[in-house]
Amino acid sequence: MKKDKFLNIVTRNFHIYKNSCTMFLWALSAVLSILANKFGTLYLVLGILPIFAFSVLFTNERKNTYL
């Protein structure tokens, strides 16, 4: 199965800048969660999305070589 070119670029950049991307996504999630206390459920749902993006990038980065 051929990967999408955009996903390839994002995964490669995530691998190179893993610490920076991780801190950015955690900070974004924290800020959106804090905004959820003031503005409501929409920001709480948006606060979960950066963690979801991090998990997709982190699991996509692993190389499966069990052939």
PDB file of N, CA and C in Angstrom:
ATOM      1  N   MET A   1       0.845  -1.172   0.000  1.00  0.00           N
ATOM      2  CA  MET A   1       0.000   0.000   0.000  1.00  0.00           C
ATOM      3  C   MET A   1       0.898   1.246   0.000  1.00  0.00           C
ATOM      4  N   LYS A   2       0.613   2.148  -0.893  1.00  0.00           N
ATOM      5  CA  LYS A   2       1.421   3.353  -1.034  1.00  0.00           C
ATOM      6  C   LYS A   2       0.923   4.441  -0.082  1.00  0.00           C
ATOM      7  N   LYS A   3       1.863   5.050   0.648  1.00  0.00           N
ATOM      8  CA  LYS A   3       1.492   6.116   1.574  1.00  0.00           C
ATOM      9  C   LYS A   3       1.250   7.417   0.821  1.00  0.00           C
ATOM     10  N   ASP A   4       0.450   8.254   1.420  1.00  0.00           N
ATOM     11  CA  ASP A   4       0.199   9.572   0.879  1.00  0.00           C
ATOM     12  C   ASP A   4       1.467  10.415   1.018  1.00  0.00           C
ATOM     13  N   LYS A   5       1.761  11.252   0.049  1.00  0.00           N
ATOM     14  CA  LYS A   5       2.979  12.059   0.068  1.00  0.00           C
ATOM     15  C   LYS A   5       2.992  13.020   1.261  1.00  0.00           C
ATOM     16  N   PHE A   6       1.853  13.635   1.563  1.00  0.00           N
ATOM     17  CA  PHE A   6       1.771  14.556   2.691  1.00  0.00           C
ATOM     18  C   PHE A   6       2.050  13.840   4.013  1.00  0.00           C
ATOM     19  N   LEU A   7       1.466  12.649   4.175  1.00  0.00           N
ATOM     20  CA  LEU A   7       1.687  11.877   5.395  1.00  0.00           C
ATOM     21  C   LEU A   7       3.148  11.452   5.517  1.00  0.00           C
ATOM     22  N   ASN A   8       3.778  11.135   4.402  1.00  0.00           N
ATOM     23  CA  ASN A   8       5.205  10.806   4.403  1.00  0.00           C
ATOM     24  C   ASN A   8       6.039  11.979   4.910  1.00  0.00           C
ATOM     25  N   ILE A   9       5.748  13.177   4.425  1.00  0.00           N
ATOM     26  CA  ILE A   9       6.490  14.375   4.829  1.00  0.00           C
ATOM     27  C   ILE A   9       6.280  14.657   6.306  1.00  0.00           C
ATOM     28  N   VAL A  10       5.036  14.573   6.767  1.00  0.00           N
ATOM     29  CA  VAL A  10       4.729  14.834   8.179  1.00  0.00           C
ATOM     30  C   VAL A  10       5.418  13.811   9.073  1.00  0.00           C
ATOM     31  N   THR A  11       5.378  12.543   8.679  1.00  0.00           N
ATOM     32  CA  THR A  11       6.008  11.494   9.488  1.00  0.00           C
ATOM     33  C   THR A  11       7.517  11.683   9.542  1.00  0.00           C
ATOM     34  N   ARG A  12       8.132  12.036   8.425  1.00  0.00           N
ATOM     35  CA  ARG A  12       9.581  12.252   8.403  1.00  0.00           C
ATOM     36  C   ARG A  12       9.960  13.438   9.276  1.00  0.00           C
ATOM     37  N   ASN A  13       9.202  14.536   9.180  1.00  0.00           N
ATOM     38  CA  ASN A  13       9.485  15.701  10.016  1.00  0.00           C
ATOM     39  C   ASN A  13       9.246  15.396  11.485  1.00  0.00           C
ATOM     40  N   PHE A  14       8.235  14.600  11.791  1.00  0.00           N
ATOM     41  CA  PHE A  14       7.989  14.220  13.177  1.00  0.00           C
ATOM     42  C   PHE A  14       9.149  13.399  13.717  1.00  0.00           C
ATOM     43  N   HIS A  15       9.691  12.505  12.895  1.00  0.00           N
ATOM     44  CA  HIS A  15      10.822  11.693  13.330  1.00  0.00           C
ATOM     45  C   HIS A  15      12.044  12.565  13.619  1.00  0.00           C
ATOM     46  N   ILE A  16      12.276  13.564  12.796  1.00  0.00           N
ATOM     47  CA  ILE A  16      13.440  14.439  12.968  1.00  0.00           C
ATOM     48  C   ILE A  16      13.247  15.364  14.163  1.00  0.00           C
ATOM     49  N   TYR A  17      12.075  15.953  14.290  1.00  0.00           N
ATOM     50  CA  TYR A  17      11.811  16.941  15.339  1.00  0.00           C
ATOM     51  C   TYR A  17      10.839  16.396  16.379  1.00  0.00           C
ATOM     52  N   LYS A  18      11.053  15.151  16.826  1.00  0.00           N
ATOM     53  CA  LYS A  18      10.090  14.487  17.711  1.00  0.00           C
ATOM     54  C   LYS A  18       9.872  15.250  19.013  1.00  0.00           C
ATOM     55  N   ASN A  19      10.923  15.718  19.659  1.00  0.00           N
ATOM     56  CA  ASN A  19      10.767  16.418  20.938  1.00  0.00           C
ATOM     57  C   ASN A  19      10.010  17.727  20.768  1.00  0.00           C
ATOM     58  N   SER A  20      10.316  18.486  19.738  1.00  0.00           N
ATOM     59  CA  SER A  20       9.632  19.748  19.506  1.00  0.00           C
ATOM     60  C   SER A  20       8.154  19.532  19.185  1.00  0.00           C
ATOM     61  N   CYS A  21       7.870  18.564  18.336  1.00  0.00           N
ATOM     62  CA  CYS A  21       6.475  18.279  17.980  1.00  0.00           C
ATOM     63  C   CYS A  21       5.694  17.787  19.187  1.00  0.00           C
ATOM     64  N   THR A  22       6.325  16.964  19.996  1.00  0.00           N
ATOM     65  CA  THR A  22       5.645  16.444  21.177  1.00  0.00           C
ATOM     66  C   THR A  22       5.298  17.566  22.140  1.00  0.00           C
ATOM     67  N   MET A  23       6.237  18.444  22.416  1.00  0.00           N
ATOM     68  CA  MET A  23       5.984  19.551  23.336  1.00  0.00           C
ATOM     69  C   MET A  23       4.925  20.494  22.774  1.00  0.00           C
ATOM     70  N   PHE A  24       4.963  20.746  21.464  1.00  0.00           N
ATOM     71  CA  PHE A  24       3.970  21.614  20.842  1.00  0.00           C
ATOM     72  C   PHE A  24       2.571  21.019  20.957  1.00  0.00           C
ATOM     73  N   LEU A  25       2.439  19.726  20.652  1.00  0.00           N
ATOM     74  CA  LEU A  25       1.119  19.098  20.707  1.00  0.00           C
ATOM     75  C   LEU A  25       0.594  19.012  22.137  1.00  0.00           C
ATOM     76  N   TRP A  26       1.476  18.742  23.112  1.00  0.00           N
ATOM     77  CA  TRP A  26       1.035  18.718  24.514  1.00  0.00           C
ATOM     78  C   TRP A  26       0.619  20.102  24.977  1.00  0.00           C
ATOM     79  N   ALA A  27       1.390  21.124  24.590  1.00  0.00           N
ATOM     80  CA  ALA A  27       1.045  22.494  24.983  1.00  0.00           C
ATOM     81  C   ALA A  27      -0.284  22.919  24.341  1.00  0.00           C
ATOM     82  N   LEU A  28      -0.467  22.585  23.073  1.00  0.00           N
ATOM     83  CA  LEU A  28      -1.724  22.914  22.394  1.00  0.00           C
ATOM     84  C   LEU A  28      -2.906  22.224  23.071  1.00  0.00           C
ATOM     85  N   SER A  29      -2.717  20.977  23.440  1.00  0.00           N
ATOM     86  CA  SER A  29      -3.773  20.258  24.137  1.00  0.00           C
ATOM     87  C   SER A  29      -4.076  20.887  25.493  1.00  0.00           C
ATOM     88  N   ALA A  30      -3.040  21.299  26.211  1.00  0.00           N
ATOM     89  CA  ALA A  30      -3.237  21.925  27.523  1.00  0.00           C
ATOM     90  C   ALA A  30      -3.969  23.261  27.397  1.00  0.00           C
ATOM     91  N   VAL A  31      -3.585  24.063  26.421  1.00  0.00           N
ATOM     92  CA  VAL A  31      -4.234  25.368  26.231  1.00  0.00           C
ATOM     93  C   VAL A  31      -5.704  25.190  25.861  1.00  0.00           C
ATOM     94  N   LEU A  32      -5.985  24.248  24.968  1.00  0.00           N
ATOM     95  CA  LEU A  32      -7.375  24.013  24.584  1.00  0.00           C
ATOM     96  C   LEU A  32      -8.193  23.445  25.746  1.00  0.00           C
ATOM     97  N   SER A  33      -7.573  22.651  26.587  1.00  0.00           N
ATOM     98  CA  SER A  33      -8.285  22.127  27.760  1.00  0.00           C
ATOM     99  C   SER A  33      -8.579  23.236  28.763  1.00  0.00           C
ATOM    100  N   ILE A  34      -7.645  24.163  28.928  1.00  0.00           N
ATOM    101  CA  ILE A  34      -7.886  25.305  29.811  1.00  0.00           C
ATOM    102  C   ILE A  34      -9.001  26.182  29.254  1.00  0.00           C
ATOM    103  N   LEU A  35      -8.997  26.398  27.938  1.00  0.00           N
ATOM    104  CA  LEU A  35     -10.081  27.165  27.320  1.00  0.00           C
ATOM    105  C   LEU A  35     -11.433  26.470  27.458  1.00  0.00           C
ATOM    106  N   ALA A  36     -11.404  25.137  27.549  1.00  0.00           N
ATOM    107  CA  ALA A  36     -12.654  24.387  27.706  1.00  0.00           C
ATOM    108  C   ALA A  36     -13.342  24.733  29.017  1.00  0.00           C
ATOM    109  N   ASN A  37     -12.557  25.061  30.056  1.00  0.00           N
ATOM    110  CA  ASN A  37     -13.169  25.444  31.323  1.00  0.00           C
ATOM    111  C   ASN A  37     -13.973  26.728  31.190  1.00  0.00           C
ATOM    112  N   LYS A  38     -13.539  27.607  30.290  1.00  0.00           N
ATOM    113  CA  LYS A  38     -14.218  28.888  30.138  1.00  0.00           C
ATOM    114  C   LYS A  38     -15.289  28.856  29.051  1.00  0.00           C
ATOM    115  N   PHE A  39     -14.979  28.209  27.923  1.00  0.00           N
ATOM    116  CA  PHE A  39     -15.861  28.314  26.754  1.00  0.00           C
ATOM    117  C   PHE A  39     -16.705  27.084  26.463  1.00  0.00           C
ATOM    118  N   GLY A  40     -16.417  25.953  27.060  1.00  0.00           N
ATOM    119  CA  GLY A  40     -17.314  24.818  26.904  1.00  0.00           C
ATOM    120  C   GLY A  40     -16.725  23.588  26.261  1.00  0.00           C
ATOM    121  N   THR A  41     -17.619  22.713  25.884  1.00  0.00           N
ATOM    122  CA  THR A  41     -17.274  21.367  25.447  1.00  0.00           C
ATOM    123  C   THR A  41     -16.519  21.334  24.125  1.00  0.00           C
ATOM    124  N   LEU A  42     -16.765  22.276  23.242  1.00  0.00           N
ATOM    125  CA  LEU A  42     -16.093  22.278  21.942  1.00  0.00           C
ATOM    126  C   LEU A  42     -14.579  22.314  22.111  1.00  0.00           C
ATOM    127  N   TYR A  43     -14.099  23.160  23.010  1.00  0.00           N
ATOM    128  CA  TYR A  43     -12.659  23.242  23.232  1.00  0.00           C
ATOM    129  C   TYR A  43     -12.123  21.992  23.920  1.00  0.00           C
ATOM    130  N   LEU A  44     -12.953  21.334  24.710  1.00  0.00           N
ATOM    131  CA  LEU A  44     -12.535  20.077  25.329  1.00  0.00           C
ATOM    132  C   LEU A  44     -12.331  19.000  24.269  1.00  0.00           C
ATOM    133  N   VAL A  45     -13.244  18.950  23.307  1.00  0.00           N
ATOM    134  CA  VAL A  45     -13.100  17.998  22.196  1.00  0.00           C
ATOM    135  C   VAL A  45     -11.876  18.363  21.360  1.00  0.00           C
ATOM    136  N   LEU A  46     -11.673  19.649  21.092  1.00  0.00           N
ATOM    137  CA  LEU A  46     -10.496  20.078  20.330  1.00  0.00           C
ATOM    138  C   LEU A  46      -9.207  19.798  21.088  1.00  0.00           C
ATOM    139  N   GLY A  47      -9.261  19.796  22.415  1.00  0.00           N
ATOM    140  CA  GLY A  47      -8.081  19.508  23.219  1.00  0.00           C
ATOM    141  C   GLY A  47      -7.627  18.070  23.105  1.00  0.00           C
ATOM    142  N   ILE A  48      -8.538  17.173  22.736  1.00  0.00           N
ATOM    143  CA  ILE A  48      -8.184  15.762  22.573  1.00  0.00           C
ATOM    144  C   ILE A  48      -7.508  15.523  21.220  1.00  0.00           C
ATOM    145  N   LEU A  49      -7.809  16.336  20.231  1.00  0.00           N
ATOM    146  CA  LEU A  49      -7.280  16.121  18.875  1.00  0.00           C
ATOM    147  C   LEU A  49      -5.750  16.158  18.782  1.00  0.00           C
ATOM    148  N   PRO A  50      -5.031  17.086  19.457  1.00  0.00           N
ATOM    149  CA  PRO A  50      -3.559  17.029  19.373  1.00  0.00           C
ATOM    150  C   PRO A  50      -2.974  15.742  19.949  1.00  0.00           C
ATOM    151  N   ILE A  51      -3.582  15.202  20.999  1.00  0.00           N
ATOM    152  CA  ILE A  51      -3.114  13.936  21.553  1.00  0.00           C
ATOM    153  C   ILE A  51      -3.376  12.808  20.563  1.00  0.00           C
ATOM    154  N   PHE A  52      -4.511  12.857  19.892  1.00  0.00           N
ATOM    155  CA  PHE A  52      -4.815  11.868  18.858  1.00  0.00           C
ATOM    156  C   PHE A  52      -3.811  11.964  17.707  1.00  0.00           C
ATOM    157  N   ALA A  53      -3.486  13.194  17.284  1.00  0.00           N
ATOM    158  CA  ALA A  53      -2.501  13.387  16.210  1.00  0.00           C
ATOM    159  C   ALA A  53      -1.139  12.858  16.628  1.00  0.00           C
ATOM    160  N   PHE A  54      -0.744  13.102  17.885  1.00  0.00           N
ATOM    161  CA  PHE A  54       0.529  12.603  18.382  1.00  0.00           C
ATOM    162  C   PHE A  54       0.560  11.075  18.349  1.00  0.00           C
ATOM    163  N   SER A  55      -0.520  10.443  18.767  1.00  0.00           N
ATOM    164  CA  SER A  55      -0.535   8.982  18.794  1.00  0.00           C
ATOM    165  C   SER A  55      -0.485   8.398  17.385  1.00  0.00           C
ATOM    166  N   VAL A  56      -1.155   9.040  16.430  1.00  0.00           N
ATOM    167  CA  VAL A  56      -1.104   8.564  15.044  1.00  0.00           C
ATOM    168  C   VAL A  56       0.311   8.700  14.490  1.00  0.00           C
ATOM    169  N   LEU A  57       0.941   9.837  14.725  1.00  0.00           N
ATOM    170  CA  LEU A  57       2.304  10.032  14.235  1.00  0.00           C
ATOM    171  C   LEU A  57       3.290   9.086  14.908  1.00  0.00           C
ATOM    172  N   PHE A  58       3.120   8.864  16.207  1.00  0.00           N
ATOM    173  CA  PHE A  58       4.051   8.012  16.938  1.00  0.00           C
ATOM    174  C   PHE A  58       3.927   6.558  16.498  1.00  0.00           C
ATOM    175  N   THR A  59       2.707   6.064  16.296  1.00  0.00           N
ATOM    176  CA  THR A  59       2.544   4.678  15.863  1.00  0.00           C
ATOM    177  C   THR A  59       2.904   4.510  14.393  1.00  0.00           C
ATOM    178  N   ASN A  60       2.729   5.536  13.595  1.00  0.00           N
ATOM    179  CA  ASN A  60       3.065   5.460  12.178  1.00  0.00           C
ATOM    180  C   ASN A  60       4.575   5.471  11.963  1.00  0.00           C
ATOM    181  N   GLU A  61       5.324   5.976  12.924  1.00  0.00           N
ATOM    182  CA  GLU A  61       6.771   6.096  12.778  1.00  0.00           C
ATOM    183  C   GLU A  61       7.478   4.748  12.901  1.00  0.00           C
ATOM    184  N   ARG A  62       6.911   3.833  13.649  1.00  0.00           N
ATOM    185  CA  ARG A  62       7.567   2.548  13.879  1.00  0.00           C
ATOM    186  C   ARG A  62       7.679   1.756  12.596  1.00  0.00           C
ATOM    187  N   LYS A  63       8.788   1.063  12.467  1.00  0.00           N
ATOM    188  CA  LYS A  63       9.018   0.199  11.301  1.00  0.00           C
ATOM    189  C   LYS A  63       8.708  -1.234  11.703  1.00  0.00           C
ATOM    190  N   ASN A  64       7.790  -1.853  11.013  1.00  0.00           N
ATOM    191  CA  ASN A  64       7.481  -3.247  11.270  1.00  0.00           C
ATOM    192  C   ASN A  64       8.287  -4.105  10.304  1.00  0.00           C
ATOM    193  N   THR A  65       9.220  -4.884  10.837  1.00  0.00           N
ATOM    194  CA  THR A  65      10.077  -5.703   9.997  1.00  0.00           C
ATOM    195  C   THR A  65       9.913  -7.180  10.335  1.00  0.00           C
ATOM    196  N   TYR A  66       8.685  -7.593  10.586  1.00  0.00           N
ATOM    197  CA  TYR A  66       8.424  -8.990  10.947  1.00  0.00           C
ATOM    198  C   TYR A  66       8.007  -9.792   9.722  1.00  0.00           C
ATOM    199  N   LEU A  67       8.807  -9.788   8.683  1.00  0.00           N
ATOM    200  CA  LEU A  67       8.461 -10.543   7.476  1.00  0.00           C
ATOM    201  C   LEU A  67       9.217 -11.828   7.375  1.00  0.00           C
TER     202      LEU A  67
END
